[in-house]
């Protein structure tokens, strides 16, 4: 459905901002690629709006008032509540795919949706689409045309980002703890590439906001994508910094052992090109998300997703001469090892012993009544 012009939309938003309604901005992958974080922040402030993000737009979020988290099955309940309770949801560069909107189809039928982006949204139903090829300019124009009479300034709502209530696992380090420690060690503006499975779900859900560019492998056939993509990004960063006569930003890849067994030898390219990348491997010796599915749906069937133990740290150190590899199994060492590796040059790896029985922050896998 073709939507209103930007000026007409600005008039509508101005009127709504003066009344006691809930406005939500929903940002996605196109918005992330366009780097419209400052423009989104200015528009949210002008409207007193809450901001949520699809997984591909996660890097536009910053901790603070008016941020409700990430949508989708690996997202935050607070983000879903914000969208469901909205009177109008302005969707910015988010195509509202099944991955973006999972768990929200029913409430989205009751919310007025206006979509800004270069392509039509993939959300069935009534969505007003405003086509724009320059998202930053479109958002800035909207912000400039918002009219707020004196005395009608409305502060952004203070929103607590709530996490899915994941039950405790068995043995090994929990991914929430591991991801939290890695997040605390990340320098500002660090690009992070998260892979599929438990590692990707944990990164989407638990990594602190505001660390820098965030890319996640979603959809079918995603396992191992982040390793190659992260190595490629690190090589690009190195080339760009050489041309600019500066220091390259270090790229961080967060992946599981299953992803490593798929495409982990891409680390050879990083070694050959001395790429500034840290590969974090969460090794639970399993396809652990599949273990959770087995336990839920096939409780009487022997597991086919548990692996014999593998020493990824020892193997990588032996295979690649000079590659710095650390192995951690407790939070304190994760923190110190991550800080040390992130301060080095060239490629390195951190292998973390993780819990194969931990239920990932994926809403359909959490016991009924807890999510």
Protein backbone atom coordinates (compact mmCIF):
# COMPACT_ATOMS: atom_id res chain seq x y z
CA UNK A 1 0.00 0.00 0.00
CA UNK A 2 1.39 3.40 -0.97
CA UNK A 3 1.71 5.67 2.01
CA UNK A 4 1.50 9.41 2.56
CA UNK A 5 4.13 11.91 1.47
CA UNK A 6 6.84 12.78 3.97
CA UNK A 7 5.22 16.16 4.63
CA UNK A 8 1.82 14.59 5.24
CA UNK A 9 3.44 12.02 7.52
CA UNK A 10 5.19 14.80 9.43
CA UNK A 11 1.83 16.52 9.95
CA UNK A 12 0.32 13.28 11.25
CA UNK A 13 3.24 12.65 13.59
CA UNK A 14 3.12 16.24 14.85
CA UNK A 15 -0.54 15.85 15.77
CA UNK A 16 0.05 12.51 17.47
CA UNK A 17 3.05 13.84 19.40
CA UNK A 18 0.83 16.50 20.95
CA UNK A 19 -1.62 13.89 22.23
CA UNK A 20 -1.25 11.10 24.75
CA UNK A 21 -0.41 8.31 22.32
CA UNK A 22 2.43 5.82 22.12
CA UNK A 23 4.81 6.14 19.18
CA UNK A 24 7.42 3.52 18.35
CA UNK A 25 10.29 3.64 15.86
CA UNK A 26 11.30 0.20 14.56
CA UNK A 27 14.70 0.15 12.84
CA UNK A 28 16.14 -2.62 10.70
CA UNK A 29 18.95 -3.78 8.47
CA UNK A 30 18.60 -1.09 5.80
CA UNK A 31 18.71 1.58 8.49
CA UNK A 32 21.84 -0.02 9.90
CA UNK A 33 23.56 -0.07 6.52
CA UNK A 34 22.63 3.59 6.03
CA UNK A 35 24.18 4.49 9.40
CA UNK A 36 21.19 6.57 10.49
CA UNK A 37 21.72 6.29 14.26
CA UNK A 38 21.95 10.07 14.87
CA UNK A 39 18.91 10.74 12.68
CA UNK A 40 16.84 8.09 14.47
CA UNK A 41 17.87 9.50 17.85
CA UNK A 42 16.85 13.03 16.78
CA UNK A 43 13.47 11.84 15.46
CA UNK A 44 12.79 9.77 18.59
CA UNK A 45 13.58 12.81 20.76
CA UNK A 46 11.31 15.06 18.69
CA UNK A 47 8.42 12.61 19.03
CA UNK A 48 9.05 11.25 22.52
CA UNK A 49 9.09 7.83 20.83
CA UNK A 50 10.34 4.46 21.99
CA UNK A 51 12.91 2.76 19.72
CA UNK A 52 13.12 -0.97 19.01
CA UNK A 53 15.27 -2.82 16.48
CA UNK A 54 15.06 -5.91 14.35
CA UNK A 55 18.15 -8.13 14.73
CA UNK A 56 19.75 -6.53 11.66
CA UNK A 57 19.29 -3.04 13.09
CA UNK A 58 20.58 -3.84 16.57
CA UNK A 59 23.67 -1.68 16.24
CA UNK A 60 21.51 1.47 16.09
CA UNK A 61 20.36 0.97 19.68
CA UNK A 62 22.03 2.75 22.59
CA UNK A 63 21.45 2.19 26.28
CA UNK A 64 19.20 4.85 27.75
CA UNK A 65 15.65 6.13 27.96
CA UNK A 66 13.29 5.14 25.20
CA UNK A 67 15.15 2.00 24.07
CA UNK A 68 13.13 -1.22 24.45
CA UNK A 69 15.45 -3.77 22.81
CA UNK A 70 15.36 -6.20 19.91
CA UNK A 71 12.33 -7.84 18.27
CA UNK A 72 12.01 -11.42 17.01
CA UNK A 73 12.22 -14.87 18.57
CA UNK A 74 15.70 -14.05 19.96
CA UNK A 75 14.67 -10.60 21.13
CA UNK A 76 13.43 -8.94 24.30
CA UNK A 77 9.88 -9.11 25.71
CA UNK A 78 10.12 -5.36 26.36
CA UNK A 79 10.50 -4.70 22.61
CA UNK A 80 7.47 -6.82 21.80
CA UNK A 81 5.39 -5.04 24.44
CA UNK A 82 6.44 -1.64 23.09
CA UNK A 83 5.31 -2.54 19.57
CA UNK A 84 2.08 -4.22 20.73
CA UNK A 85 1.14 -1.20 22.88
CA UNK A 86 1.90 1.40 20.19
CA UNK A 87 -0.73 3.51 18.49
CA UNK A 88 1.59 4.07 15.53
CA UNK A 89 4.78 2.24 14.62
CA UNK A 90 7.07 4.06 12.21
CA UNK A 91 9.22 1.39 10.59
CA UNK A 92 12.57 2.67 9.33
CA UNK A 93 14.54 0.47 6.96
CA UNK A 94 13.10 -2.75 8.38
CA UNK A 95 11.27 -5.03 5.97
CA UNK A 96 9.45 -6.80 8.81
CA UNK A 97 10.42 -10.28 7.66
CA UNK A 98 9.40 -13.35 9.65
CA UNK A 99 12.72 -13.15 11.49
CA UNK A 100 12.15 -9.49 12.34
CA UNK A 101 8.54 -9.77 13.49
CA UNK A 102 8.31 -13.32 14.90
CA UNK A 103 5.82 -13.32 17.77
CA UNK A 104 4.27 -10.02 16.70
CA UNK A 105 1.94 -10.93 13.83
CA UNK A 106 -1.24 -10.71 15.90
CA UNK A 107 -0.53 -7.38 17.67
CA UNK A 108 0.77 -5.84 14.43
CA UNK A 109 -2.69 -6.24 12.91
CA UNK A 110 -3.97 -3.74 15.48
CA UNK A 111 -1.17 -1.16 15.10
CA UNK A 112 -0.99 1.53 12.43
CA UNK A 113 2.19 0.78 10.47
CA UNK A 114 4.07 3.24 8.27
CA UNK A 115 7.20 1.92 6.55
CA UNK A 116 10.06 4.01 5.15
CA UNK A 117 12.57 2.23 2.94
CA UNK A 118 13.80 1.52 -0.55
CA UNK A 119 11.85 -1.75 -0.85
CA UNK A 120 8.33 -2.84 0.04
CA UNK A 121 7.98 -4.49 3.46
CA UNK A 122 7.41 -8.23 3.72
CA UNK A 123 4.68 -7.87 6.31
CA UNK A 124 1.25 -9.09 5.16
CA UNK A 125 -1.68 -6.80 5.85
CA UNK A 126 -2.10 -3.04 5.92
CA UNK A 127 1.22 -1.22 5.87
CA UNK A 128 1.65 2.26 4.39
CA UNK A 129 4.91 2.20 2.44
CA UNK A 130 6.78 5.45 1.79
CA UNK A 131 9.51 4.66 -0.72
CA UNK A 132 12.77 6.50 -0.13
CA UNK A 133 16.24 5.71 -1.42
CA UNK A 134 18.01 8.10 0.97
CA UNK A 135 16.82 7.04 4.41
CA UNK A 136 19.01 9.49 6.30
CA UNK A 137 17.64 12.45 4.32
CA UNK A 138 14.05 11.22 4.71
CA UNK A 139 14.35 10.86 8.49
CA UNK A 140 16.03 14.27 8.78
CA UNK A 141 13.24 15.84 6.73
CA UNK A 142 10.63 14.28 9.01
CA UNK A 143 12.41 15.54 12.11
CA UNK A 144 12.71 19.04 10.66
CA UNK A 145 9.00 19.19 9.86
CA UNK A 146 7.76 17.94 13.24
CA UNK A 147 5.88 20.84 14.84
CA UNK A 148 5.58 20.78 18.63
CA UNK A 149 3.78 23.74 20.25
CA UNK A 150 5.52 25.22 23.28
CA UNK A 151 4.62 23.27 26.40
CA UNK A 152 4.00 20.04 24.51
CA UNK A 153 7.53 18.65 24.70
CA UNK A 154 7.24 15.07 25.87
CA UNK A 155 10.28 13.28 27.29
CA UNK A 156 11.07 9.83 25.99
CA UNK A 157 9.66 7.04 28.08
CA UNK A 158 12.02 5.24 30.43
CA UNK A 159 11.90 1.60 29.32
CA UNK A 160 13.57 -1.30 31.08
CA UNK A 161 14.93 -3.83 28.60
CA UNK A 162 13.72 -7.21 29.86
CA UNK A 163 15.29 -10.53 28.97
CA UNK A 164 13.70 -13.87 28.20
CA UNK A 165 13.63 -15.93 31.42
CA UNK A 166 16.00 -18.67 30.34
CA UNK A 167 16.16 -21.55 32.86
CA UNK A 168 19.62 -22.53 34.13
CA UNK A 169 21.49 -25.19 32.18
CA UNK A 170 23.65 -28.07 33.31
CA UNK A 171 27.43 -27.79 33.45
CA UNK A 172 29.75 -25.34 31.76
CA UNK A 173 29.79 -21.58 31.42
CA UNK A 174 26.45 -19.99 30.51
CA UNK A 175 26.39 -18.03 27.27
CA UNK A 176 24.71 -15.05 28.88
CA UNK A 177 27.67 -14.73 31.25
CA UNK A 178 30.23 -15.29 28.50
CA UNK A 179 28.63 -12.78 26.11
CA UNK A 180 28.32 -10.23 28.91
CA UNK A 181 32.02 -10.49 29.75
CA UNK A 182 33.01 -10.17 26.09
CA UNK A 183 30.72 -7.16 25.72
CA UNK A 184 32.34 -5.41 28.65
CA UNK A 185 35.75 -5.86 27.03
CA UNK A 186 34.76 -4.49 23.60
CA UNK A 187 36.37 -1.16 22.67
CA UNK A 188 33.97 1.50 21.30
CA UNK A 189 32.90 1.09 17.67
CA UNK A 190 33.97 -2.56 17.48
CA UNK A 191 32.29 -4.38 14.57
CA UNK A 192 30.76 -7.66 15.76
CA UNK A 193 29.73 -10.54 13.49
CA UNK A 194 27.50 -13.09 15.23
CA UNK A 195 26.88 -16.52 13.77
CA UNK A 196 23.86 -18.84 13.90
CA UNK A 197 22.58 -21.13 16.64
CA UNK A 198 22.97 -20.58 20.38
CA UNK A 199 25.93 -18.24 19.82
CA UNK A 200 23.92 -15.92 17.57
CA UNK A 201 20.85 -15.99 19.80
CA UNK A 202 22.96 -15.16 22.85
CA UNK A 203 24.75 -12.33 21.05
CA UNK A 204 21.50 -10.77 19.79
CA UNK A 205 19.88 -11.00 23.21
CA UNK A 206 22.72 -10.37 25.67
CA UNK A 207 25.44 -8.33 24.00
CA UNK A 208 25.44 -4.76 25.37
CA UNK A 209 24.08 -2.08 23.03
CA UNK A 210 26.27 0.57 21.48
CA UNK A 211 29.46 -1.40 20.76
CA UNK A 212 29.53 -0.69 17.01
CA UNK A 213 28.41 -2.35 13.78
CA UNK A 214 26.50 -5.61 14.35
CA UNK A 215 25.92 -8.27 11.70
CA UNK A 216 24.16 -11.56 12.39
CA UNK A 217 23.77 -14.72 10.30
CA UNK A 218 20.02 -15.37 10.10
CA UNK A 219 17.93 -17.60 7.89
CA UNK A 220 18.64 -20.95 6.30
CA UNK A 221 22.23 -21.93 5.61
CA UNK A 222 23.65 -19.30 7.92
CA UNK A 223 26.10 -21.41 9.92
CA UNK A 224 29.66 -20.24 9.43
CA UNK A 225 28.74 -17.09 7.50
CA UNK A 226 29.93 -14.78 10.25
CA UNK A 227 33.43 -16.27 10.24
CA UNK A 228 34.06 -15.52 6.58
CA UNK A 229 32.23 -12.18 6.74
CA UNK A 230 34.14 -11.11 9.84
CA UNK A 231 37.50 -12.03 8.31
CA UNK A 232 36.60 -10.12 5.15
CA UNK A 233 35.59 -7.09 7.18
CA UNK A 234 38.85 -7.22 9.15
CA UNK A 235 40.89 -7.25 5.92
CA UNK A 236 38.90 -4.27 4.64
CA UNK A 237 39.49 -2.42 7.93
CA UNK A 238 43.23 -3.10 7.62
CA UNK A 239 43.36 -1.79 4.04
CA UNK A 240 41.32 1.31 4.90
CA UNK A 241 43.49 2.11 7.91
CA UNK A 242 46.67 1.73 5.86
CA UNK A 243 45.36 4.18 3.27
CA UNK A 244 44.38 6.58 6.05
CA UNK A 245 47.63 5.99 7.92
CA UNK A 246 45.74 5.00 11.07
CA UNK A 247 45.12 1.97 13.26
CA UNK A 248 42.53 -0.55 12.07
CA UNK A 249 39.51 -1.35 14.20
CA UNK A 250 39.52 -4.93 15.40
CA UNK A 251 36.63 -7.10 14.20
CA UNK A 252 35.09 -9.65 16.58
CA UNK A 253 33.39 -12.85 15.41
CA UNK A 254 31.17 -14.77 17.86
CA UNK A 255 30.42 -18.31 16.69
CA UNK A 256 29.74 -21.79 17.99
CA UNK A 257 31.68 -24.96 17.40
CA UNK A 258 29.11 -26.12 14.84
CA UNK A 259 29.72 -22.98 12.77
CA UNK A 260 33.46 -23.50 13.13
CA UNK A 261 33.19 -27.05 11.80
CA UNK A 262 31.25 -25.66 8.83
CA UNK A 263 33.54 -22.83 7.75
CA UNK A 264 36.08 -22.27 10.50
CA UNK A 265 39.08 -22.69 8.22
CA UNK A 266 38.41 -19.19 6.95
CA UNK A 267 40.69 -18.28 9.86
CA UNK A 268 43.54 -19.37 7.53
CA UNK A 269 42.81 -16.33 5.36
CA UNK A 270 43.03 -14.10 8.43
CA UNK A 271 46.37 -15.64 9.38
CA UNK A 272 47.81 -15.22 5.87
CA UNK A 273 46.72 -11.57 5.69
CA UNK A 274 47.45 -10.76 9.34
CA UNK A 275 43.87 -9.51 9.64
CA UNK A 276 42.86 -7.74 12.88
CA UNK A 277 40.13 -10.19 13.91
CA UNK A 278 39.31 -12.00 17.14
CA UNK A 279 37.41 -15.24 16.66
CA UNK A 280 35.40 -16.15 19.76
CA UNK A 281 34.30 -19.77 19.70
CA UNK A 282 31.62 -20.86 22.17
CA UNK A 283 32.40 -24.58 22.27
CA UNK A 284 29.69 -26.76 23.82
CA UNK A 285 30.64 -29.85 21.80
CA UNK A 286 27.16 -29.97 20.33
CA UNK A 287 24.54 -28.53 18.04
CA UNK A 288 23.07 -27.22 21.27
CA UNK A 289 19.95 -25.51 19.93
CA UNK A 290 19.09 -28.87 18.37
CA UNK A 291 19.67 -30.55 21.74
CA UNK A 292 17.02 -28.27 23.23
CA UNK A 293 14.63 -29.22 20.42
CA UNK A 294 15.36 -32.89 21.00
CA UNK A 295 14.57 -32.53 24.70
CA UNK A 296 11.32 -30.70 23.98
CA UNK A 297 9.98 -32.63 21.00
CA UNK A 298 11.71 -36.03 21.06
CA UNK A 299 12.38 -36.73 24.74
CA UNK A 300 12.58 -40.52 24.28
CA UNK A 301 14.93 -40.43 21.30
CA UNK A 302 18.73 -40.72 21.80
CA UNK A 303 20.52 -37.49 20.97
CA UNK A 304 22.24 -37.17 17.61
CA UNK A 305 23.50 -33.65 18.28
CA UNK A 306 26.10 -34.19 21.01
CA UNK A 307 29.69 -34.39 19.81
CA UNK A 308 32.71 -36.09 21.24
CA UNK A 309 34.86 -33.44 23.00
CA UNK A 310 37.17 -31.47 20.72
CA UNK A 311 40.10 -29.29 21.74
CA UNK A 312 39.57 -26.41 19.34
CA UNK A 313 42.08 -24.20 21.16
CA UNK A 314 44.81 -26.82 21.02
CA UNK A 315 44.05 -27.67 17.42
CA UNK A 316 44.13 -24.06 16.21
CA UNK A 317 47.34 -23.29 18.09
CA UNK A 318 49.01 -26.39 16.61
CA UNK A 319 47.76 -25.77 13.08
CA UNK A 320 48.68 -22.09 12.69
CA UNK A 321 52.17 -21.08 13.77
CA UNK A 322 52.06 -17.79 15.66
CA UNK A 323 48.27 -17.64 16.06
CA UNK A 324 47.52 -16.58 19.63
CA UNK A 325 44.81 -18.79 21.13
CA UNK A 326 43.32 -18.65 24.63
CA UNK A 327 40.87 -21.03 26.29
CA UNK A 328 38.52 -20.02 29.09
CA UNK A 329 35.94 -21.77 31.24
CA UNK A 330 35.23 -19.23 33.99
CA UNK A 331 33.92 -15.63 33.81
CA UNK A 332 36.99 -13.94 35.27
CA UNK A 333 39.32 -15.50 32.72
CA UNK A 334 36.91 -14.76 29.86
CA UNK A 335 37.07 -11.09 30.84
CA UNK A 336 40.86 -10.89 31.13
CA UNK A 337 41.53 -13.04 28.06
CA UNK A 338 39.09 -11.02 25.93
CA UNK A 339 40.63 -7.72 27.03
CA UNK A 340 44.12 -9.03 26.25
CA UNK A 341 43.25 -10.44 22.82
CA UNK A 342 41.30 -7.34 21.79
CA UNK A 343 44.36 -5.17 22.50
CA UNK A 344 46.65 -7.17 20.22
CA UNK A 345 47.34 -6.86 16.50
CA UNK A 346 46.69 -9.54 13.89
CA UNK A 347 44.33 -12.50 14.24
CA UNK A 348 43.71 -14.39 17.47
CA UNK A 349 41.13 -16.74 19.00
CA UNK A 350 39.30 -17.18 22.27
CA UNK A 351 37.71 -20.59 22.85
CA UNK A 352 35.13 -20.66 25.67
CA UNK A 353 33.89 -23.93 27.15
CA UNK A 354 30.09 -23.53 27.08
CA UNK A 355 27.13 -25.49 28.39
CA UNK A 356 25.42 -27.76 25.80
CA UNK A 357 22.26 -28.05 27.93
CA UNK A 358 21.64 -24.32 28.27
CA UNK A 359 18.34 -23.26 26.72
CA UNK A 360 19.09 -20.39 24.32
CA UNK A 361 17.17 -17.09 24.44
CA UNK A 362 14.79 -18.28 21.73
CA UNK A 363 11.16 -17.80 22.68
CA UNK A 364 9.71 -21.00 21.12
CA UNK A 365 12.16 -23.16 23.08
CA UNK A 366 11.49 -21.70 26.52
CA UNK A 367 9.00 -23.71 28.59
CA UNK A 368 5.41 -22.52 28.21
CA UNK A 369 4.41 -19.77 30.61
CA UNK A 370 7.94 -18.51 31.16
CA UNK A 371 8.41 -16.32 28.07
